[in-house]
Amino acid sequence: MIASLNGTVSAVTKDSAIIDVHGVGYEVRMPGSELADMHVGQQAMVFTKLNVSQDAIALYGFKTKTAKDLFLSLQKVSGIGPKVALSVVSTLGTTQLLSAVANGDAAALAKSPGLGRKGAQKIILELKGSINLDELENAETPAVQQDEGVDQLVEALISLGWQQRDALYAVKRVLKERDHQGSVTADEVPELLKVTLASMDRGR
């Protein structure tokens, strides 16, 4: 089994990336939100799952282990195959997907192409009691020291209608992705708020 790949991105399409590992190019199907952040020449490490069926052999990849774990968990739901599972992870992202399952939000899940309302209800029914949502979220949430700037960002997101848990999680992710060191200053808040909102909107 190919559990992960670490190499150079040699091509990116709307639904996959080719990652060159020591001269061998692996075509990896990935969530659209993750592909949007990838570019040719970039070093990339992805967690992968090889899927073998009667029709095809496909390699699916994710930037985080949490996303991969959710992808695998979704396929345990009756009637959910890898294509639909990838669609759900791609449409909602890990944060919104965890939140939708935890809150029983079938409408949010049903926005995923190829799923539908009944499929969304099945996911909630079967996953809410079979996966440890807090454990998955904690594994994905990067550690960051709380400070006044972070509080301001979270409060701003809450005022725009986001739940506190989702807001804090998104801020932490953005700070980690930007390799932000130290406390968030007041001058940084507007720009970080814009970036965080963009990342959360991609997961809707």
C-alpha atoms as a PDB file:
ATOM      1  CA  MET A   1       0.000   0.000   0.000  1.00  0.00           C
ATOM      2  CA  ILE A   2       1.170   3.546  -0.764  1.00  0.00           C
ATOM      3  CA  ALA A   3       0.509   5.354   2.522  1.00  0.00           C
ATOM      4  CA  SER A   4       2.137   8.694   1.648  1.00  0.00           C
ATOM      5  CA  LEU A   5       4.178  10.496  -0.992  1.00  0.00           C
ATOM      6  CA  ASN A   6       6.860  13.136  -0.592  1.00  0.00           C
ATOM      7  CA  GLY A   7       8.110  14.728  -3.794  1.00  0.00           C
ATOM      8  CA  THR A   8       7.852  17.544  -6.330  1.00  0.00           C
ATOM      9  CA  VAL A   9       4.599  18.629  -7.973  1.00  0.00           C
ATOM     10  CA  SER A  10       5.084  18.291 -11.738  1.00  0.00           C
ATOM     11  CA  ALA A  11       1.502  19.019 -12.860  1.00  0.00           C
ATOM     12  CA  VAL A  12      -1.839  20.141 -11.429  1.00  0.00           C
ATOM     13  CA  THR A  13      -5.285  19.682 -12.989  1.00  0.00           C
ATOM     14  CA  LYS A  14      -8.777  20.432 -11.692  1.00  0.00           C
ATOM     15  CA  ASP A  15      -9.040  17.054  -9.961  1.00  0.00           C
ATOM     16  CA  SER A  16      -5.528  15.669  -9.527  1.00  0.00           C
ATOM     17  CA  ALA A  17      -1.843  16.405  -9.120  1.00  0.00           C
ATOM     18  CA  ILE A  18       1.174  14.530 -10.404  1.00  0.00           C
ATOM     19  CA  ILE A  19       3.849  14.189  -7.753  1.00  0.00           C
ATOM     20  CA  ASP A  20       7.315  13.182  -8.880  1.00  0.00           C
ATOM     21  CA  VAL A  21       9.095  10.963  -6.365  1.00  0.00           C
ATOM     22  CA  HIS A  22      12.647  10.110  -7.480  1.00  0.00           C
ATOM     23  CA  GLY A  23      11.700  10.176 -11.161  1.00  0.00           C
ATOM     24  CA  VAL A  24       8.388   8.343 -10.831  1.00  0.00           C
ATOM     25  CA  GLY A  25       5.259  10.433 -11.365  1.00  0.00           C
ATOM     26  CA  TYR A  26       2.237   9.490  -9.263  1.00  0.00           C
ATOM     27  CA  GLU A  27      -1.180  10.803 -10.310  1.00  0.00           C
ATOM     28  CA  VAL A  28      -3.034  11.648  -7.105  1.00  0.00           C
ATOM     29  CA  ARG A  29      -6.697  12.601  -6.939  1.00  0.00           C
ATOM     30  CA  MET A  30      -7.150  15.307  -4.313  1.00  0.00           C
ATOM     31  CA  PRO A  31      -9.768  17.736  -2.939  1.00  0.00           C
ATOM     32  CA  GLY A  32     -10.174  20.800  -5.137  1.00  0.00           C
ATOM     33  CA  SER A  33      -9.469  23.165  -2.235  1.00  0.00           C
ATOM     34  CA  GLU A  34      -6.072  21.519  -1.708  1.00  0.00           C
ATOM     35  CA  LEU A  35      -5.230  21.446  -5.411  1.00  0.00           C
ATOM     36  CA  ALA A  36      -5.939  25.180  -5.600  1.00  0.00           C
ATOM     37  CA  ASP A  37      -3.014  25.804  -3.248  1.00  0.00           C
ATOM     38  CA  MET A  38      -0.554  23.624  -5.176  1.00  0.00           C
ATOM     39  CA  HIS A  39       1.752  24.697  -8.007  1.00  0.00           C
ATOM     40  CA  VAL A  40       4.329  23.120 -10.297  1.00  0.00           C
ATOM     41  CA  GLY A  41       7.753  22.871  -8.687  1.00  0.00           C
ATOM     42  CA  GLN A  42       6.379  22.841  -5.154  1.00  0.00           C
ATOM     43  CA  GLN A  43       7.584  20.243  -2.663  1.00  0.00           C
ATOM     44  CA  ALA A  44       4.567  18.347  -1.388  1.00  0.00           C
ATOM     45  CA  MET A  45       3.877  15.644   1.159  1.00  0.00           C
ATOM     46  CA  VAL A  46       0.475  13.953   0.928  1.00  0.00           C
ATOM     47  CA  PHE A  47      -1.193  11.122   2.824  1.00  0.00           C
ATOM     48  CA  THR A  48      -2.512   8.628   0.303  1.00  0.00           C
ATOM     49  CA  LYS A  49      -4.917   5.720  -0.119  1.00  0.00           C
ATOM     50  CA  LEU A  50      -4.753   3.339  -3.079  1.00  0.00           C
ATOM     51  CA  ASN A  51      -8.210   2.296  -4.223  1.00  0.00           C
ATOM     52  CA  VAL A  52      -8.569  -0.790  -6.410  1.00  0.00           C
ATOM     53  CA  SER A  53     -11.885  -1.611  -8.095  1.00  0.00           C
ATOM     54  CA  GLN A  54     -13.081  -3.611 -11.099  1.00  0.00           C
ATOM     55  CA  ASP A  55     -13.036  -0.487 -13.249  1.00  0.00           C
ATOM     56  CA  ALA A  56      -9.897   1.329 -12.176  1.00  0.00           C
ATOM     57  CA  ILE A  57      -6.968   1.768  -9.835  1.00  0.00           C
ATOM     58  CA  ALA A  58      -6.823   5.236  -8.307  1.00  0.00           C
ATOM     59  CA  LEU A  59      -4.579   6.926  -5.776  1.00  0.00           C
ATOM     60  CA  TYR A  60      -6.265   9.480  -3.505  1.00  0.00           C
ATOM     61  CA  GLY A  61      -4.248  12.016  -1.554  1.00  0.00           C
ATOM     62  CA  PHE A  62      -4.687  14.585   1.216  1.00  0.00           C
ATOM     63  CA  LYS A  63      -2.456  17.180   2.829  1.00  0.00           C
ATOM     64  CA  THR A  64      -3.444  16.114   6.346  1.00  0.00           C
ATOM     65  CA  LYS A  65      -3.950  12.754   8.006  1.00  0.00           C
ATOM     66  CA  THR A  66      -7.278  13.959   9.379  1.00  0.00           C
ATOM     67  CA  ALA A  67      -8.622  14.520   5.858  1.00  0.00           C
ATOM     68  CA  LYS A  68      -7.462  11.038   4.844  1.00  0.00           C
ATOM     69  CA  ASP A  69      -9.034   9.479   7.942  1.00  0.00           C
ATOM     70  CA  LEU A  70     -12.332  11.224   7.222  1.00  0.00           C
ATOM     71  CA  PHE A  71     -12.171  10.064   3.599  1.00  0.00           C
ATOM     72  CA  LEU A  72     -11.752   6.467   4.795  1.00  0.00           C
ATOM     73  CA  SER A  73     -14.483   6.825   7.427  1.00  0.00           C
ATOM     74  CA  LEU A  74     -16.959   8.143   4.874  1.00  0.00           C
ATOM     75  CA  GLN A  75     -16.488   5.031   2.753  1.00  0.00           C
ATOM     76  CA  LYS A  76     -17.628   2.870   5.661  1.00  0.00           C
ATOM     77  CA  VAL A  77     -21.068   4.400   5.231  1.00  0.00           C
ATOM     78  CA  SER A  78     -23.298   2.207   3.050  1.00  0.00           C
ATOM     79  CA  GLY A  79     -23.575   3.564  -0.472  1.00  0.00           C
ATOM     80  CA  ILE A  80     -20.604   5.964  -0.189  1.00  0.00           C
ATOM     81  CA  GLY A  81     -17.726   5.204  -2.554  1.00  0.00           C
ATOM     82  CA  PRO A  82     -14.369   6.949  -2.969  1.00  0.00           C
ATOM     83  CA  LYS A  83     -15.620   9.499  -5.519  1.00  0.00           C
ATOM     84  CA  VAL A  84     -18.450  10.711  -3.277  1.00  0.00           C
ATOM     85  CA  ALA A  85     -16.218  10.591  -0.197  1.00  0.00           C
ATOM     86  CA  LEU A  86     -13.673  12.788  -1.981  1.00  0.00           C
ATOM     87  CA  SER A  87     -16.468  15.137  -3.047  1.00  0.00           C
ATOM     88  CA  VAL A  88     -17.618  15.538   0.564  1.00  0.00           C
ATOM     89  CA  VAL A  89     -14.104  16.215   1.896  1.00  0.00           C
ATOM     90  CA  SER A  90     -13.432  18.612  -0.989  1.00  0.00           C
ATOM     91  CA  THR A  91     -16.706  20.538  -0.607  1.00  0.00           C
ATOM     92  CA  LEU A  92     -16.708  20.956   3.161  1.00  0.00           C
ATOM     93  CA  GLY A  93     -13.087  20.595   4.224  1.00  0.00           C
ATOM     94  CA  THR A  94     -12.186  18.857   7.468  1.00  0.00           C
ATOM     95  CA  THR A  95     -13.378  21.622   9.801  1.00  0.00           C
ATOM     96  CA  GLN A  96     -16.863  21.998   8.324  1.00  0.00           C
ATOM     97  CA  LEU A  97     -17.223  18.255   7.799  1.00  0.00           C
ATOM     98  CA  LEU A  98     -16.464  17.518  11.441  1.00  0.00           C
ATOM     99  CA  SER A  99     -18.840  20.267  12.492  1.00  0.00           C
ATOM    100  CA  ALA A 100     -21.638  19.052  10.196  1.00  0.00           C
ATOM    101  CA  VAL A 101     -21.423  15.489  11.522  1.00  0.00           C
ATOM    102  CA  ALA A 102     -21.204  16.630  15.143  1.00  0.00           C
ATOM    103  CA  ASN A 103     -24.172  19.002  14.771  1.00  0.00           C
ATOM    104  CA  GLY A 104     -26.282  16.706  12.579  1.00  0.00           C
ATOM    105  CA  ASP A 105     -26.266  19.279   9.775  1.00  0.00           C
ATOM    106  CA  ALA A 106     -27.508  17.222   6.825  1.00  0.00           C
ATOM    107  CA  ALA A 107     -28.113  20.337   4.725  1.00  0.00           C
ATOM    108  CA  ALA A 108     -24.413  21.257   4.809  1.00  0.00           C
ATOM    109  CA  LEU A 109     -23.358  17.734   3.846  1.00  0.00           C
ATOM    110  CA  ALA A 110     -25.935  17.566   1.057  1.00  0.00           C
ATOM    111  CA  LYS A 111     -24.172  20.422  -0.752  1.00  0.00           C
ATOM    112  CA  SER A 112     -21.540  17.908  -1.842  1.00  0.00           C
ATOM    113  CA  PRO A 113     -22.000  16.887  -5.508  1.00  0.00           C
ATOM    114  CA  GLY A 114     -23.175  13.294  -5.856  1.00  0.00           C
ATOM    115  CA  LEU A 115     -24.360  12.915  -2.271  1.00  0.00           C
ATOM    116  CA  GLY A 116     -27.948  14.050  -1.757  1.00  0.00           C
ATOM    117  CA  ARG A 117     -30.065  14.461   1.366  1.00  0.00           C
ATOM    118  CA  LYS A 118     -30.472  10.750   2.122  1.00  0.00           C
ATOM    119  CA  GLY A 119     -26.742  10.143   1.795  1.00  0.00           C
ATOM    120  CA  ALA A 120     -26.059  13.055   4.122  1.00  0.00           C
ATOM    121  CA  GLN A 121     -28.422  11.648   6.727  1.00  0.00           C
ATOM    122  CA  LYS A 122     -26.733   8.237   6.458  1.00  0.00           C
ATOM    123  CA  ILE A 123     -23.337   9.825   7.073  1.00  0.00           C
ATOM    124  CA  ILE A 124     -24.566  11.552  10.216  1.00  0.00           C
ATOM    125  CA  LEU A 125     -26.337   8.437  11.471  1.00  0.00           C
ATOM    126  CA  GLU A 126     -23.381   6.103  10.935  1.00  0.00           C
ATOM    127  CA  LEU A 127     -20.402   8.369  11.632  1.00  0.00           C
ATOM    128  CA  LYS A 128     -21.611  10.369  14.594  1.00  0.00           C
ATOM    129  CA  GLY A 129     -21.321   7.340  16.820  1.00  0.00           C
ATOM    130  CA  SER A 130     -18.497   5.498  15.076  1.00  0.00           C
ATOM    131  CA  ILE A 131     -15.674   8.062  14.959  1.00  0.00           C
ATOM    132  CA  ASN A 132     -14.187  10.169  17.715  1.00  0.00           C
ATOM    133  CA  LEU A 133     -14.770  13.652  16.357  1.00  0.00           C
ATOM    134  CA  ASP A 134     -12.826  15.360  19.140  1.00  0.00           C
ATOM    135  CA  GLU A 135      -9.844  13.072  18.623  1.00  0.00           C
ATOM    136  CA  LEU A 136      -9.770  13.737  14.882  1.00  0.00           C
ATOM    137  CA  GLU A 137     -10.100  17.478  15.357  1.00  0.00           C
ATOM    138  CA  ASN A 138      -7.411  17.612  18.047  1.00  0.00           C
ATOM    139  CA  ALA A 139      -5.039  15.650  15.824  1.00  0.00           C
ATOM    140  CA  GLU A 140      -5.540  18.208  13.074  1.00  0.00           C
ATOM    141  CA  THR A 141      -5.589  21.391  15.131  1.00  0.00           C
ATOM    142  CA  PRO A 142      -2.138  22.974  15.306  1.00  0.00           C
ATOM    143  CA  ALA A 143      -0.936  24.258  18.640  1.00  0.00           C
ATOM    144  CA  VAL A 144      -0.640  28.018  18.889  1.00  0.00           C
ATOM    145  CA  GLN A 145      -0.355  30.328  21.856  1.00  0.00           C
ATOM    146  CA  GLN A 146      -3.538  32.264  22.466  1.00  0.00           C
ATOM    147  CA  ASP A 147      -3.161  36.035  22.400  1.00  0.00           C
ATOM    148  CA  GLU A 148      -5.221  39.190  22.049  1.00  0.00           C
ATOM    149  CA  GLY A 149      -4.864  39.261  18.260  1.00  0.00           C
ATOM    150  CA  VAL A 150      -6.160  35.706  17.967  1.00  0.00           C
ATOM    151  CA  ASP A 151      -9.075  36.608  20.227  1.00  0.00           C
ATOM    152  CA  GLN A 152      -9.920  39.556  17.969  1.00  0.00           C
ATOM    153  CA  LEU A 153      -9.873  37.342  14.891  1.00  0.00           C
ATOM    154  CA  VAL A 154     -12.102  34.728  16.507  1.00  0.00           C
ATOM    155  CA  GLU A 155     -14.558  37.363  17.781  1.00  0.00           C
ATOM    156  CA  ALA A 156     -14.739  38.902  14.305  1.00  0.00           C
ATOM    157  CA  LEU A 157     -15.529  35.531  12.730  1.00  0.00           C
ATOM    158  CA  ILE A 158     -18.157  34.779  15.361  1.00  0.00           C
ATOM    159  CA  SER A 159     -19.800  38.134  14.621  1.00  0.00           C
ATOM    160  CA  LEU A 160     -20.000  37.041  10.967  1.00  0.00           C
ATOM    161  CA  GLY A 161     -21.923  33.917  11.921  1.00  0.00           C
ATOM    162  CA  TRP A 162     -19.226  31.271  12.427  1.00  0.00           C
ATOM    163  CA  GLN A 163     -19.183  29.017  15.462  1.00  0.00           C
ATOM    164  CA  GLN A 164     -16.400  29.639  17.987  1.00  0.00           C
ATOM    165  CA  ARG A 165     -14.820  26.196  17.534  1.00  0.00           C
ATOM    166  CA  ASP A 166     -14.714  26.547  13.732  1.00  0.00           C
ATOM    167  CA  ALA A 167     -13.391  30.105  13.974  1.00  0.00           C
ATOM    168  CA  LEU A 168     -10.555  29.248  16.357  1.00  0.00           C
ATOM    169  CA  TYR A 169      -9.633  26.186  14.338  1.00  0.00           C
ATOM    170  CA  ALA A 170      -9.472  28.197  11.085  1.00  0.00           C
ATOM    171  CA  VAL A 171      -7.322  30.922  12.651  1.00  0.00           C
ATOM    172  CA  LYS A 172      -4.878  28.331  13.958  1.00  0.00           C
ATOM    173  CA  ARG A 173      -4.655  26.691  10.555  1.00  0.00           C
ATOM    174  CA  VAL A 174      -3.921  29.990   8.811  1.00  0.00           C
ATOM    175  CA  LEU A 175      -1.239  30.940  11.337  1.00  0.00           C
ATOM    176  CA  LYS A 176       0.409  27.543  10.880  1.00  0.00           C
ATOM    177  CA  GLU A 177       0.257  27.719   7.080  1.00  0.00           C
ATOM    178  CA  ARG A 178       1.843  31.183   7.119  1.00  0.00           C
ATOM    179  CA  ASP A 179       4.451  29.998   9.638  1.00  0.00           C
ATOM    180  CA  HIS A 180       3.443  32.896  11.886  1.00  0.00           C
ATOM    181  CA  GLN A 181       5.751  33.313  14.859  1.00  0.00           C
ATOM    182  CA  GLY A 182       4.838  35.116  18.081  1.00  0.00           C
ATOM    183  CA  SER A 183       1.682  37.004  18.942  1.00  0.00           C
ATOM    184  CA  VAL A 184      -0.722  38.471  16.396  1.00  0.00           C
ATOM    185  CA  THR A 185      -0.487  42.265  16.408  1.00  0.00           C
ATOM    186  CA  ALA A 186      -3.399  44.629  15.856  1.00  0.00           C
ATOM    187  CA  ASP A 187      -1.943  45.671  12.489  1.00  0.00           C
ATOM    188  CA  GLU A 188      -1.987  42.061  11.302  1.00  0.00           C
ATOM    189  CA  VAL A 189      -5.621  41.391  12.203  1.00  0.00           C
ATOM    190  CA  PRO A 190      -7.293  42.843   9.035  1.00  0.00           C
ATOM    191  CA  GLU A 191      -5.092  40.892   6.616  1.00  0.00           C
ATOM    192  CA  LEU A 192      -5.295  37.665   8.639  1.00  0.00           C
ATOM    193  CA  LEU A 193      -9.069  38.034   8.887  1.00  0.00           C
ATOM    194  CA  LYS A 194      -9.317  38.303   5.099  1.00  0.00           C
ATOM    195  CA  VAL A 195      -7.136  35.207   4.584  1.00  0.00           C
ATOM    196  CA  THR A 196      -9.007  33.207   7.228  1.00  0.00           C
ATOM    197  CA  LEU A 197     -12.401  34.080   5.747  1.00  0.00           C
ATOM    198  CA  ALA A 198     -11.199  32.978   2.317  1.00  0.00           C
ATOM    199  CA  SER A 199     -10.021  29.637   3.689  1.00  0.00           C
ATOM    200  CA  MET A 200     -13.309  29.067   5.528  1.00  0.00           C
ATOM    201  CA  ASP A 201     -15.407  29.996   2.506  1.00  0.00           C
ATOM    202  CA  ARG A 202     -13.540  27.379   0.452  1.00  0.00           C
ATOM    203  CA  GLY A 203     -14.749  24.776   2.928  1.00  0.00           C
ATOM    204  CA  ARG A 204     -18.424  25.715   2.695  1.00  0.00           C
END
